[in-house]
Amino acid sequence: MARLNRSVSAAVLLAFAAPLLVVSSPVAAQTATASGEVRRVDAAKGKITIKHGEIGELGLPAMTLVYAIDPALLAGIGPGDKVTFTASRQNGQYVISKISK
């Protein structure tokens, strides 16, 4: 009987633990390319504000959004510029990895 209880206990533990394993697994970051208009640039803080259309791959409606960006990518980019950019969601924030006029 003790052997049966251990098997049942292990099965119950696995049934409860399996969903936690799925939730805590790292998820591949989704990436999307979009276009928009630069509204503000803050190179010191590594941020850029862009007004863009819907970005379905990231679940974003048309909006104006502040993105994190490597300040080195901001050379020659300023308010009013029409840009094409590649962005992803990383650790709860949207990050631009590529941008061009």
Foldseek 3Di string as FASTA:
>chain_A
DVVVVVVVVVVVVCVVCVVVVVVPDDDDWFKFKFKFFWAADDLVQQKTWTQGADTVSAPRHGGIDIAGEHSVQCVPDGGGDIKMFMWTADPRGIHTPHMDD
